[in-house]
Protein backbone atom coordinates (compact mmCIF):
# COMPACT_ATOMS: atom_id res chain seq x y z
CA MET A 1 187.56 243.64 -39.19
CA ARG A 2 183.95 244.70 -38.95
CA LYS A 3 181.30 242.07 -39.73
CA PRO A 4 177.59 242.33 -40.50
CA GLN A 5 175.11 241.69 -37.71
CA LEU A 6 173.63 238.23 -38.13
CA VAL A 7 169.85 238.20 -38.43
CA ARG A 8 168.36 235.08 -39.97
CA THR A 9 165.35 235.35 -42.28
CA ASP A 10 162.85 232.64 -43.14
CA GLY A 11 162.52 231.36 -46.69
CA LEU A 12 166.22 231.37 -47.57
CA PRO A 13 168.65 228.49 -48.12
CA ASP A 14 170.95 227.42 -45.29
CA ARG A 15 173.96 227.28 -47.61
CA VAL A 16 174.95 228.94 -50.89
CA THR A 17 177.71 228.00 -53.32
CA ILE A 18 179.63 231.03 -54.58
CA TYR A 19 180.80 230.38 -58.14
CA GLU A 20 183.82 232.67 -58.35
CA VAL A 21 184.40 234.07 -61.86
CA GLY A 22 187.01 236.75 -61.18
CA PRO A 23 190.03 234.98 -62.71
CA ARG A 24 188.12 234.37 -65.95
CA ASP A 25 185.20 236.75 -66.42
CA GLY A 26 186.89 239.46 -64.40
CA LEU A 27 190.39 239.47 -65.83
CA GLN A 28 189.27 238.96 -69.44
CA ASN A 29 187.78 242.46 -69.32
CA GLU A 30 190.99 244.10 -68.13
CA SER A 31 192.76 246.20 -70.73
CA ALA A 32 196.21 245.19 -69.45
CA ILE A 33 197.62 241.69 -69.68
CA VAL A 34 198.11 240.26 -66.18
CA ASP A 35 201.20 238.12 -65.65
CA VAL A 36 200.48 234.41 -65.33
CA ALA A 37 202.26 234.23 -61.96
CA VAL A 38 199.95 236.93 -60.61
CA LYS A 39 196.88 235.07 -61.92
CA ALA A 40 198.05 231.85 -60.29
CA GLU A 41 198.66 233.58 -56.95
CA PHE A 42 195.23 235.25 -57.21
CA ILE A 43 193.55 231.87 -57.62
CA ARG A 44 195.54 230.35 -54.76
CA ARG A 45 194.51 233.21 -52.48
CA LEU A 46 190.87 232.81 -53.48
CA ALA A 47 191.06 229.13 -52.61
CA ASP A 48 192.74 229.94 -49.29
CA ALA A 49 189.85 232.31 -48.50
CA GLY A 50 187.50 229.32 -48.74
CA LEU A 51 186.12 229.57 -52.27
CA THR A 52 185.62 226.04 -53.56
CA THR A 53 184.47 226.80 -57.12
CA ILE A 54 186.81 229.07 -59.07
CA GLU A 55 186.47 229.50 -62.82
CA THR A 56 190.11 229.86 -63.68
CA THR A 57 190.38 230.75 -67.37
CA SER A 58 189.04 230.25 -70.89
CA PHE A 59 190.26 228.28 -73.88
CA VAL A 60 188.85 230.77 -76.35
CA HIS A 61 191.12 231.70 -79.27
CA PRO A 62 193.85 234.11 -78.08
CA LYS A 63 192.99 236.44 -80.96
CA TRP A 64 189.62 237.20 -79.38
CA VAL A 65 190.65 237.26 -75.71
CA PRO A 66 194.40 237.95 -75.51
CA GLN A 67 194.11 238.45 -71.74
CA LEU A 68 193.58 234.68 -71.37
CA ALA A 69 196.05 233.48 -74.00
CA ASP A 70 198.11 231.89 -71.21
CA ALA A 71 195.36 229.44 -70.19
CA ALA A 72 197.42 226.26 -70.53
CA GLU A 73 200.44 227.84 -68.81
CA LEU A 74 198.26 229.04 -65.94
CA LEU A 75 196.67 225.65 -65.33
CA ALA A 76 200.11 224.01 -65.35
CA GLU A 77 201.13 226.32 -62.50
CA LEU A 78 198.14 225.55 -60.31
CA ASP A 79 198.14 222.89 -57.63
CA LEU A 80 194.84 223.42 -55.88
CA PRO A 81 193.36 221.34 -53.06
CA ASP A 82 191.08 218.50 -54.15
CA VAL A 83 188.06 220.27 -52.63
CA VAL A 84 188.41 223.16 -55.11
CA ARG A 85 186.61 222.86 -58.42
CA ALA A 86 188.44 224.70 -61.21
CA PRO A 87 186.17 224.88 -64.29
CA VAL A 88 187.22 226.60 -67.50
CA LEU A 89 185.21 228.18 -70.30
CA VAL A 90 185.33 226.26 -73.58
CA PRO A 91 183.81 227.84 -76.72
CA ASN A 92 184.03 224.89 -79.13
CA GLU A 93 185.71 221.56 -79.87
CA ARG A 94 189.11 223.16 -80.45
CA GLY A 95 188.88 224.70 -77.01
CA LEU A 96 187.82 221.34 -75.61
CA ASP A 97 190.91 219.70 -77.11
CA ARG A 98 193.09 222.21 -75.24
CA ALA A 99 191.13 221.72 -72.03
CA LEU A 100 191.49 217.94 -72.19
CA ALA A 101 195.22 218.30 -72.81
CA ALA A 102 195.38 220.37 -69.61
CA ASN A 103 193.53 217.64 -67.65
CA VAL A 104 190.53 219.86 -66.95
CA ARG A 105 187.60 217.99 -65.36
CA GLU A 106 184.86 220.62 -65.61
CA ILE A 107 183.98 223.02 -68.41
CA ALA A 108 181.41 225.68 -69.20
CA ILE A 109 179.95 226.67 -72.57
CA PHE A 110 178.51 230.05 -73.44
CA ALA A 111 175.16 230.46 -75.20
CA SER A 112 173.04 233.44 -76.20
CA ALA A 113 169.36 234.02 -75.51
CA THR A 114 169.06 236.51 -78.40
CA GLU A 115 169.65 236.48 -82.15
CA THR A 116 171.76 239.63 -82.23
CA PHE A 117 174.15 238.60 -79.49
CA ALA A 118 174.48 235.15 -81.05
CA ALA A 119 175.46 236.81 -84.31
CA LYS A 120 177.89 239.29 -82.73
CA ASN A 121 179.49 237.01 -80.14
CA LEU A 122 179.19 233.53 -81.65
CA ASN A 123 178.88 234.31 -85.37
CA SER A 124 175.74 232.19 -85.59
CA THR A 125 171.98 232.36 -85.31
CA LEU A 126 170.08 231.55 -82.14
CA ASP A 127 169.34 228.08 -83.48
CA GLU A 128 172.68 227.43 -85.19
CA GLN A 129 174.67 227.96 -81.98
CA PHE A 130 173.57 224.49 -80.87
CA ALA A 131 175.36 222.89 -83.81
CA MET A 132 178.57 224.19 -82.22
CA PHE A 133 177.67 223.22 -78.65
CA THR A 134 176.35 219.72 -79.30
CA PRO A 135 179.59 217.92 -80.27
CA THR A 136 181.53 219.84 -77.61
CA ILE A 137 179.13 218.81 -74.85
CA GLN A 138 178.85 215.23 -76.08
CA ARG A 139 182.61 214.75 -76.29
CA ALA A 140 183.16 216.36 -72.90
CA MET A 141 180.62 214.09 -71.25
CA ALA A 142 182.12 211.03 -72.97
CA GLU A 143 185.44 212.02 -71.36
CA GLY A 144 183.77 212.18 -67.96
CA LEU A 145 183.67 215.97 -67.71
CA THR A 146 180.78 217.93 -66.25
CA VAL A 147 179.41 220.79 -68.34
CA ARG A 148 177.87 224.06 -67.20
CA GLY A 149 175.82 226.20 -69.56
CA TYR A 150 175.92 229.98 -69.47
CA VAL A 151 172.94 231.77 -71.03
CA SER A 152 173.65 235.43 -71.73
CA MET A 153 171.24 238.34 -72.27
CA CYS A 154 168.53 236.68 -70.18
CA TYR A 155 166.80 239.90 -69.12
CA GLY A 156 167.71 242.46 -71.74
CA ASP A 157 169.77 242.91 -74.87
CA PRO A 158 171.44 246.22 -75.88
CA TRP A 159 170.23 245.79 -79.47
CA GLU A 160 166.91 243.99 -79.06
CA GLY A 161 165.68 245.40 -75.76
CA ALA A 162 163.52 243.23 -73.50
CA VAL A 163 164.00 239.47 -73.91
CA PRO A 164 160.92 237.21 -73.59
CA SER A 165 161.23 234.63 -70.81
CA ARG A 166 160.04 231.86 -73.13
CA GLN A 167 163.00 232.55 -75.43
CA VAL A 168 165.45 232.23 -72.56
CA VAL A 169 163.76 229.04 -71.35
CA GLU A 170 163.90 227.48 -74.82
CA VAL A 171 167.66 228.05 -75.00
CA GLY A 172 168.28 226.87 -71.44
CA ALA A 173 166.11 223.78 -71.74
CA ARG A 174 167.98 222.72 -74.88
CA LEU A 175 171.28 223.01 -73.01
CA ILE A 176 169.90 220.85 -70.20
CA ASP A 177 168.69 218.30 -72.74
CA LEU A 178 172.17 218.22 -74.26
CA GLY A 179 173.63 217.31 -70.87
CA CYS A 180 174.51 220.54 -69.04
CA HIS A 181 174.25 219.89 -65.30
CA GLU A 182 173.67 223.56 -64.46
CA LEU A 183 172.49 226.76 -66.15
CA SER A 184 173.89 230.14 -65.20
CA LEU A 185 171.29 232.77 -66.10
CA GLY A 186 173.17 235.92 -67.04
CA ASP A 187 171.95 239.50 -66.69
CA THR A 188 174.70 240.53 -69.08
CA ILE A 189 173.90 244.26 -69.15
CA GLY A 190 172.61 244.51 -65.59
CA VAL A 191 169.07 245.66 -66.34
CA ALA A 192 167.06 243.05 -64.42
CA THR A 193 164.83 243.86 -61.47
CA PRO A 194 163.47 241.43 -58.85
CA GLY A 195 160.11 240.91 -60.55
CA GLN A 196 161.85 239.75 -63.72
CA VAL A 197 164.01 237.36 -61.73
CA THR A 198 160.96 235.76 -60.12
CA ALA A 199 159.19 235.51 -63.47
CA LEU A 200 162.14 233.89 -65.27
CA ILE A 201 162.81 231.31 -62.57
CA GLY A 202 159.09 230.53 -62.53
CA ALA A 203 159.11 230.09 -66.31
CA PHE A 204 161.94 227.57 -66.03
CA THR A 205 160.24 225.54 -63.32
CA ALA A 206 156.97 225.59 -65.30
CA ALA A 207 158.90 224.14 -68.23
CA GLY A 208 160.22 221.29 -66.08
CA VAL A 209 163.69 222.68 -65.34
CA GLY A 210 164.10 222.45 -61.58
CA VAL A 211 165.49 225.34 -59.58
CA ASP A 212 168.30 223.01 -58.47
CA LYS A 213 169.61 223.26 -62.05
CA LEU A 214 169.75 227.06 -62.00
CA ALA A 215 172.46 229.51 -60.99
CA VAL A 216 172.35 233.30 -61.30
CA HIS A 217 174.91 235.71 -62.74
CA PHE A 218 174.05 239.36 -62.16
CA HIS A 219 175.83 242.51 -63.22
CA ASP A 220 175.46 245.63 -61.11
CA THR A 221 175.16 248.20 -63.90
CA TYR A 222 172.02 249.73 -62.39
CA GLY A 223 172.71 248.78 -58.77
CA GLN A 224 170.28 245.86 -58.76
CA ALA A 225 172.60 242.85 -58.43
CA LEU A 226 172.19 242.23 -54.68
CA ALA A 227 168.42 242.76 -54.75
CA ASN A 228 168.14 240.37 -57.68
CA THR A 229 170.34 237.82 -55.91
CA LEU A 230 168.23 237.91 -52.77
CA THR A 231 165.13 237.41 -54.91
CA ALA A 232 166.71 234.37 -56.59
CA LEU A 233 167.61 232.91 -53.19
CA ARG A 234 163.99 233.28 -52.07
CA GLU A 235 163.01 231.33 -55.19
CA GLY A 236 165.30 228.46 -54.14
CA VAL A 237 168.49 229.17 -56.13
CA THR A 238 171.61 228.14 -54.19
CA THR A 239 174.45 228.91 -56.63
CA VAL A 240 175.47 232.52 -57.27
CA ASP A 241 178.17 233.76 -59.65
CA SER A 242 180.30 236.68 -58.50
CA SER A 243 183.72 238.21 -59.01
CA ALA A 244 186.24 238.98 -56.26
CA GLY A 245 186.66 242.71 -55.87
CA GLY A 246 184.01 243.33 -58.52
CA LEU A 247 186.51 242.63 -61.29
CA GLY A 248 185.15 242.83 -64.81
CA GLY A 249 183.41 245.63 -66.61
CA CYS A 250 180.23 245.57 -68.64
CA PRO A 251 181.29 245.88 -72.30
CA TYR A 252 177.77 246.82 -73.41
CA ALA A 253 177.23 249.66 -70.96
CA GLY A 254 180.25 251.91 -71.31
CA SER A 255 182.14 252.36 -68.05
CA ALA A 256 179.34 250.93 -65.90
CA THR A 257 180.05 248.48 -63.10
CA GLY A 258 180.14 244.88 -64.22
CA ASN A 259 180.09 241.72 -62.13
CA LEU A 260 178.57 241.49 -58.69
CA ALA A 261 181.47 241.72 -56.23
CA THR A 262 181.99 238.57 -54.18
CA GLU A 263 182.65 240.62 -51.04
CA ASP A 264 179.35 242.51 -51.43
CA LEU A 265 177.54 239.21 -51.88
CA LEU A 266 179.33 237.66 -48.90
CA TRP A 267 178.47 240.58 -46.60
CA GLN A 268 174.80 240.01 -47.39
CA LEU A 269 174.97 236.23 -47.01
CA ASP A 270 176.94 236.43 -43.75
CA GLY A 271 174.39 238.88 -42.35
CA LEU A 272 171.57 236.49 -43.23
CA GLY A 273 173.33 233.55 -41.60
CA ILE A 274 173.71 231.72 -44.91
CA ARG A 275 176.80 229.49 -44.88
CA THR A 276 179.36 229.71 -47.71
CA GLY A 277 182.63 228.59 -46.11
CA VAL A 278 184.30 231.80 -47.30
CA ASP A 279 186.36 234.04 -45.01
CA LEU A 280 185.44 237.68 -45.68
CA GLU A 281 188.63 239.11 -44.17
CA LYS A 282 190.88 236.92 -46.32
CA LEU A 283 188.80 237.67 -49.40
CA VAL A 284 189.00 241.44 -48.89
CA ALA A 285 192.77 241.17 -48.42
CA THR A 286 193.00 239.21 -51.67
CA SER A 287 191.03 241.82 -53.60
CA VAL A 288 193.11 244.65 -52.14
CA TRP A 289 196.24 242.78 -53.24
CA MET A 290 194.82 242.25 -56.74
CA ALA A 291 193.75 245.88 -57.04
CA GLU A 292 197.34 246.91 -56.28
CA LYS A 293 198.58 244.57 -59.02
CA LEU A 294 196.09 246.08 -61.47
CA GLY A 295 196.92 249.63 -60.41
CA LYS A 296 193.35 250.71 -59.72
CA PRO A 297 190.92 250.58 -56.79
CA SER A 298 188.37 247.81 -56.39
CA PRO A 299 184.80 248.84 -57.27
CA SER A 300 183.45 246.59 -54.49
CA ARG A 301 181.67 248.69 -51.89
CA VAL A 302 182.56 246.22 -49.12
CA VAL A 303 186.24 246.21 -50.09
CA GLN A 304 186.20 250.01 -50.06
CA ALA A 305 184.50 250.11 -46.66
CA LEU A 306 186.66 247.51 -44.93
CA ALA A 307 190.01 248.38 -46.49
CA GLY A 308 189.59 252.15 -46.47
């Protein structure tokens, strides 16, 4: 299989953690319900390819995300190596109860950086969302769990337009103060450009939130995800969210491409000599297999190029 030419560049990290979100953020956007055995095999194959952080599912109410209604059943089927972290998304205390019953050791909560998205997605105001997160985070930490915080709409909102950096920082800093060990800054509609990425990371560090606490989550709606990722790496970020095969649409931008494909990210990182521990050939084979199960081609450009 063809590989990128390795040319190292100064000012970049030696190693990057890929936070794989395909089984959760990817499959929750699929119109068809994927069989739990297929999901379990997908996760096993991702782990075999070398991914060590795989967000497996979500304990959101099945009414809202029927694609992940089998969360407990899926986790019961998994027997992953100890080196693989398998976080799950937990929306509230009821979700936390289910996660604890499934012996989950790492969770993520989902916050909004804008009033409108908080109202539409969380049924709360920007400020009131913390009343829901606080007991969930506190209980999780008391049980010895680590908690990641997602912040959505960090660069733009389909209803409100541009989002001020200070607003994003206020939300993120509150999550850190509550005990989140990491913030994933989401470009939910894929409108960010590199200058915005630099400005937002700078705003966080100016507010006392170190870059070691930040991860990035870009969507490729306007073809900017890899450029934005490279910019974040130059700013010192070392954790990048992505989805194998580019699974997951963008629900706020029609049929536009959603998550950054893990293979596209890996091609770039491999070419820069940045270590990830992930085997590109195995990952491409996994995404080809999953695309066959879903009955549609992978939107990943690297998967298309290498498997074509």
